[in-house]
Amino acid sequence: MNALPLDTVDEWLNFEVWEALTDPFVGAVGEAMLALLVLGPIAYGYYTYQDSGVMPLILLVLIGGSTLVYAPAGVGSAVIALAVLTVAGLGYWLLQAARS
């Protein structure tokens, strides 16, 4: 999928509308990051409408694993560190809730 202007014109002429609309963006940032940019605001909308983080969390679990593969190597270790901190914080929060 290259996003050269002439390829886009050929796609329009062949009535390949979806490819003509998405190829310039996919060529610039990649499919996974484009999905993150599109689905991030959708997840935020779910969060603000429902006042709950359940739906964005489900979207993160479904989409996050596939986008992490395409991220640079340094991001993987940072995500692991954040996951460890998150699990530790959740454990502390549950412990405090059980004590009170």
N, C-alpha and C. Protein backbone atom coordinates (compact mmCIF):
# COMPACT_ATOMS: atom_id res chain seq x y z
N MET A 1 0.83 -1.19 0.00
CA MET A 1 0.00 0.00 0.00
C MET A 1 0.87 1.25 0.00
N ASN A 2 1.09 1.77 -1.14
CA ASN A 2 1.82 3.02 -1.21
C ASN A 2 0.84 4.15 -1.50
N ALA A 3 1.23 5.31 -1.06
CA ALA A 3 0.28 6.43 -1.13
C ALA A 3 0.76 7.51 -2.09
N LEU A 4 1.28 7.09 -3.23
CA LEU A 4 1.69 8.07 -4.23
C LEU A 4 0.46 8.71 -4.84
N PRO A 5 0.55 9.98 -5.20
CA PRO A 5 -0.64 10.65 -5.76
C PRO A 5 -1.20 9.97 -7.01
N LEU A 6 -0.32 9.47 -7.86
CA LEU A 6 -0.83 8.82 -9.08
C LEU A 6 -1.55 7.52 -8.76
N ASP A 7 -1.08 6.80 -7.73
CA ASP A 7 -1.78 5.58 -7.33
C ASP A 7 -3.17 5.91 -6.79
N THR A 8 -3.25 7.00 -6.06
CA THR A 8 -4.54 7.41 -5.52
C THR A 8 -5.50 7.79 -6.64
N VAL A 9 -5.00 8.46 -7.66
CA VAL A 9 -5.85 8.81 -8.81
C VAL A 9 -6.32 7.55 -9.51
N ASP A 10 -5.42 6.58 -9.68
CA ASP A 10 -5.82 5.32 -10.31
C ASP A 10 -6.89 4.60 -9.49
N GLU A 11 -6.76 4.66 -8.17
CA GLU A 11 -7.77 4.02 -7.32
C GLU A 11 -9.13 4.71 -7.47
N TRP A 12 -9.12 6.04 -7.56
CA TRP A 12 -10.39 6.76 -7.76
C TRP A 12 -10.99 6.39 -9.10
N LEU A 13 -10.17 6.31 -10.14
CA LEU A 13 -10.68 5.98 -11.47
C LEU A 13 -11.22 4.56 -11.55
N ASN A 14 -10.67 3.65 -10.72
CA ASN A 14 -11.14 2.27 -10.69
C ASN A 14 -12.25 2.05 -9.66
N PHE A 15 -12.77 3.14 -9.09
CA PHE A 15 -13.85 3.12 -8.10
C PHE A 15 -13.46 2.34 -6.84
N GLU A 16 -12.19 2.38 -6.48
CA GLU A 16 -11.73 1.80 -5.22
C GLU A 16 -11.69 2.92 -4.19
N VAL A 17 -12.86 3.31 -3.74
CA VAL A 17 -13.00 4.51 -2.92
C VAL A 17 -12.33 4.34 -1.56
N TRP A 18 -12.55 3.20 -0.90
CA TRP A 18 -11.98 3.01 0.44
C TRP A 18 -10.46 3.08 0.40
N GLU A 19 -9.85 2.42 -0.57
CA GLU A 19 -8.39 2.47 -0.68
C GLU A 19 -7.90 3.87 -0.99
N ALA A 20 -8.63 4.57 -1.84
CA ALA A 20 -8.21 5.93 -2.19
C ALA A 20 -8.29 6.87 -0.99
N LEU A 21 -9.26 6.66 -0.12
CA LEU A 21 -9.40 7.52 1.05
C LEU A 21 -8.40 7.18 2.15
N THR A 22 -8.09 5.91 2.34
CA THR A 22 -7.26 5.51 3.48
C THR A 22 -5.77 5.36 3.17
N ASP A 23 -5.40 5.09 1.93
CA ASP A 23 -4.00 4.84 1.61
C ASP A 23 -3.05 5.99 1.97
N PRO A 24 -3.40 7.25 1.75
CA PRO A 24 -2.45 8.30 2.15
C PRO A 24 -2.17 8.30 3.66
N PHE A 25 -3.18 8.02 4.47
CA PHE A 25 -2.98 8.01 5.91
C PHE A 25 -2.27 6.75 6.37
N VAL A 26 -2.64 5.61 5.79
CA VAL A 26 -1.99 4.35 6.15
C VAL A 26 -0.52 4.38 5.75
N GLY A 27 -0.24 4.98 4.60
CA GLY A 27 1.15 5.08 4.17
C GLY A 27 1.98 5.97 5.07
N ALA A 28 1.34 6.96 5.69
CA ALA A 28 2.07 7.90 6.55
C ALA A 28 2.34 7.35 7.94
N VAL A 29 1.35 6.72 8.57
CA VAL A 29 1.51 6.30 9.96
C VAL A 29 1.40 4.80 10.17
N GLY A 30 0.98 4.05 9.21
CA GLY A 30 0.82 2.61 9.38
C GLY A 30 -0.60 2.27 9.84
N GLU A 31 -0.99 1.04 9.57
CA GLU A 31 -2.36 0.63 9.87
C GLU A 31 -2.66 0.64 11.37
N ALA A 32 -1.72 0.13 12.16
CA ALA A 32 -1.98 0.02 13.60
C ALA A 32 -2.09 1.38 14.26
N MET A 33 -1.21 2.28 13.93
CA MET A 33 -1.26 3.61 14.54
C MET A 33 -2.47 4.40 14.03
N LEU A 34 -2.86 4.18 12.78
CA LEU A 34 -4.07 4.83 12.29
C LEU A 34 -5.30 4.33 13.04
N ALA A 35 -5.34 3.03 13.32
CA ALA A 35 -6.44 2.48 14.10
C ALA A 35 -6.46 3.09 15.50
N LEU A 36 -5.29 3.29 16.08
CA LEU A 36 -5.21 3.90 17.40
C LEU A 36 -5.70 5.34 17.37
N LEU A 37 -5.35 6.08 16.32
CA LEU A 37 -5.78 7.47 16.21
C LEU A 37 -7.28 7.58 15.96
N VAL A 38 -7.85 6.60 15.28
CA VAL A 38 -9.28 6.63 15.00
C VAL A 38 -10.08 6.12 16.19
N LEU A 39 -9.63 5.04 16.81
CA LEU A 39 -10.40 4.42 17.89
C LEU A 39 -10.17 5.09 19.24
N GLY A 40 -9.12 5.86 19.40
CA GLY A 40 -8.89 6.57 20.65
C GLY A 40 -9.99 7.57 20.97
N PRO A 41 -10.33 8.44 20.05
CA PRO A 41 -11.45 9.35 20.32
C PRO A 41 -12.79 8.64 20.52
N ILE A 42 -12.99 7.52 19.85
CA ILE A 42 -14.21 6.76 20.06
C ILE A 42 -14.26 6.22 21.48
N ALA A 43 -13.14 5.70 21.96
CA ALA A 43 -13.07 5.20 23.34
C ALA A 43 -13.29 6.33 24.33
N TYR A 44 -12.73 7.50 24.05
CA TYR A 44 -12.93 8.64 24.93
C TYR A 44 -14.41 9.05 24.95
N GLY A 45 -15.06 8.99 23.81
CA GLY A 45 -16.49 9.29 23.76
C GLY A 45 -17.31 8.32 24.59
N TYR A 46 -16.97 7.02 24.51
CA TYR A 46 -17.65 6.04 25.35
C TYR A 46 -17.45 6.36 26.83
N TYR A 47 -16.22 6.74 27.18
CA TYR A 47 -15.91 7.03 28.58
C TYR A 47 -16.70 8.24 29.09
N THR A 48 -16.74 9.30 28.31
CA THR A 48 -17.44 10.50 28.77
C THR A 48 -18.95 10.31 28.80
N TYR A 49 -19.47 9.48 27.91
CA TYR A 49 -20.91 9.27 27.88
C TYR A 49 -21.36 8.36 29.02
N GLN A 50 -20.58 7.31 29.32
CA GLN A 50 -21.00 6.32 30.30
C GLN A 50 -20.49 6.62 31.71
N ASP A 51 -19.55 7.51 31.87
CA ASP A 51 -18.90 7.76 33.16
C ASP A 51 -18.29 6.49 33.73
N SER A 52 -17.82 5.64 32.85
CA SER A 52 -17.20 4.38 33.26
C SER A 52 -16.11 4.05 32.25
N GLY A 53 -15.07 3.42 32.74
CA GLY A 53 -13.97 3.06 31.86
C GLY A 53 -14.03 1.66 31.32
N VAL A 54 -15.18 1.00 31.43
CA VAL A 54 -15.28 -0.40 31.02
C VAL A 54 -15.12 -0.56 29.51
N MET A 55 -15.86 0.20 28.72
CA MET A 55 -15.79 0.06 27.27
C MET A 55 -14.42 0.45 26.72
N PRO A 56 -13.81 1.57 27.14
CA PRO A 56 -12.45 1.86 26.66
C PRO A 56 -11.44 0.79 27.07
N LEU A 57 -11.63 0.19 28.24
CA LEU A 57 -10.72 -0.87 28.67
C LEU A 57 -10.86 -2.10 27.78
N ILE A 58 -12.08 -2.43 27.40
CA ILE A 58 -12.30 -3.56 26.49
C ILE A 58 -11.67 -3.26 25.13
N LEU A 59 -11.84 -2.03 24.64
CA LEU A 59 -11.21 -1.66 23.37
C LEU A 59 -9.69 -1.71 23.47
N LEU A 60 -9.14 -1.30 24.59
CA LEU A 60 -7.70 -1.33 24.78
C LEU A 60 -7.18 -2.76 24.77
N VAL A 61 -7.89 -3.66 25.44
CA VAL A 61 -7.46 -5.05 25.48
C VAL A 61 -7.54 -5.67 24.09
N LEU A 62 -8.59 -5.35 23.34
CA LEU A 62 -8.75 -5.93 22.01
C LEU A 62 -7.76 -5.37 21.00
N ILE A 63 -7.51 -4.06 21.08
CA ILE A 63 -6.70 -3.40 20.06
C ILE A 63 -5.25 -3.22 20.50
N GLY A 64 -5.04 -3.06 21.79
CA GLY A 64 -3.71 -2.74 22.30
C GLY A 64 -2.66 -3.79 22.00
N GLY A 65 -3.05 -5.05 22.09
CA GLY A 65 -2.08 -6.11 21.81
C GLY A 65 -1.57 -6.10 20.39
N SER A 66 -2.43 -5.77 19.46
CA SER A 66 -1.99 -5.76 18.07
C SER A 66 -1.17 -4.52 17.74
N THR A 67 -1.45 -3.40 18.40
CA THR A 67 -0.67 -2.20 18.12
C THR A 67 0.68 -2.22 18.81
N LEU A 68 0.80 -2.95 19.91
CA LEU A 68 2.08 -3.03 20.61
C LEU A 68 3.13 -3.74 19.77
N VAL A 69 2.71 -4.66 18.93
CA VAL A 69 3.64 -5.39 18.08
C VAL A 69 4.32 -4.44 17.09
N TYR A 70 3.60 -3.44 16.61
CA TYR A 70 4.14 -2.51 15.63
C TYR A 70 4.89 -1.34 16.23
N ALA A 71 4.87 -1.22 17.54
CA ALA A 71 5.55 -0.12 18.21
C ALA A 71 7.05 -0.39 18.28
N PRO A 72 7.87 0.64 18.47
CA PRO A 72 9.32 0.43 18.61
C PRO A 72 9.64 -0.43 19.84
N ALA A 73 10.84 -0.97 19.87
CA ALA A 73 11.22 -1.92 20.92
C ALA A 73 11.19 -1.29 22.31
N GLY A 74 11.56 -0.04 22.44
CA GLY A 74 11.58 0.61 23.75
C GLY A 74 10.21 0.77 24.36
N VAL A 75 9.20 0.79 23.54
CA VAL A 75 7.84 0.96 24.04
C VAL A 75 7.38 -0.28 24.79
N GLY A 76 7.83 -1.45 24.34
CA GLY A 76 7.43 -2.71 24.98
C GLY A 76 7.84 -2.76 26.44
N SER A 77 9.06 -2.37 26.74
CA SER A 77 9.51 -2.40 28.13
C SER A 77 8.77 -1.35 28.97
N ALA A 78 8.46 -0.21 28.38
CA ALA A 78 7.70 0.81 29.10
C ALA A 78 6.28 0.32 29.39
N VAL A 79 5.69 -0.37 28.46
CA VAL A 79 4.33 -0.90 28.67
C VAL A 79 4.34 -1.96 29.76
N ILE A 80 5.37 -2.79 29.78
CA ILE A 80 5.48 -3.81 30.83
C ILE A 80 5.63 -3.14 32.20
N ALA A 81 6.45 -2.09 32.26
CA ALA A 81 6.63 -1.36 33.53
C ALA A 81 5.31 -0.73 33.97
N LEU A 82 4.58 -0.14 33.05
CA LEU A 82 3.28 0.44 33.39
C LEU A 82 2.27 -0.62 33.83
N ALA A 83 2.33 -1.79 33.22
CA ALA A 83 1.42 -2.87 33.61
C ALA A 83 1.73 -3.34 35.02
N VAL A 84 3.01 -3.44 35.36
CA VAL A 84 3.40 -3.85 36.71
C VAL A 84 2.92 -2.81 37.72
N LEU A 85 3.12 -1.53 37.42
CA LEU A 85 2.65 -0.48 38.32
C LEU A 85 1.13 -0.47 38.45
N THR A 86 0.44 -0.74 37.36
CA THR A 86 -1.02 -0.78 37.40
C THR A 86 -1.52 -1.93 38.26
N VAL A 87 -0.94 -3.10 38.10
CA VAL A 87 -1.36 -4.25 38.90
C VAL A 87 -1.04 -4.01 40.38
N ALA A 88 0.13 -3.43 40.66
CA ALA A 88 0.47 -3.13 42.05
C ALA A 88 -0.49 -2.09 42.64
N GLY A 89 -0.82 -1.06 41.88
CA GLY A 89 -1.77 -0.06 42.36
C GLY A 89 -3.15 -0.64 42.58
N LEU A 90 -3.58 -1.51 41.67
CA LEU A 90 -4.89 -2.16 41.83
C LEU A 90 -4.90 -3.04 43.08
N GLY A 91 -3.81 -3.77 43.30
CA GLY A 91 -3.72 -4.59 44.51
C GLY A 91 -3.76 -3.75 45.77
N TYR A 92 -3.06 -2.63 45.78
CA TYR A 92 -3.08 -1.73 46.93
C TYR A 92 -4.47 -1.15 47.15
N TRP A 93 -5.15 -0.78 46.07
CA TRP A 93 -6.48 -0.23 46.18
C TRP A 93 -7.46 -1.26 46.74
N LEU A 94 -7.35 -2.50 46.27
CA LEU A 94 -8.22 -3.56 46.80
C LEU A 94 -7.92 -3.84 48.26
N LEU A 95 -6.66 -3.81 48.64
CA LEU A 95 -6.28 -4.02 50.03
C LEU A 95 -6.86 -2.94 50.93
N GLN A 96 -6.76 -1.68 50.48
CA GLN A 96 -7.31 -0.57 51.26
C GLN A 96 -8.83 -0.64 51.33
N ALA A 97 -9.47 -1.07 50.28
CA ALA A 97 -10.92 -1.20 50.28
C ALA A 97 -11.37 -2.32 51.21
N ALA A 98 -10.59 -3.39 51.29
CA ALA A 98 -10.94 -4.51 52.17
C ALA A 98 -10.73 -4.14 53.63
N ARG A 99 -9.77 -3.30 53.93
CA ARG A 99 -9.50 -2.91 55.31
C ARG A 99 -10.54 -1.93 55.85
N SER A 100 -11.15 -1.16 54.98
CA SER A 100 -12.11 -0.17 55.49
C SER A 100 -13.54 -0.65 55.42
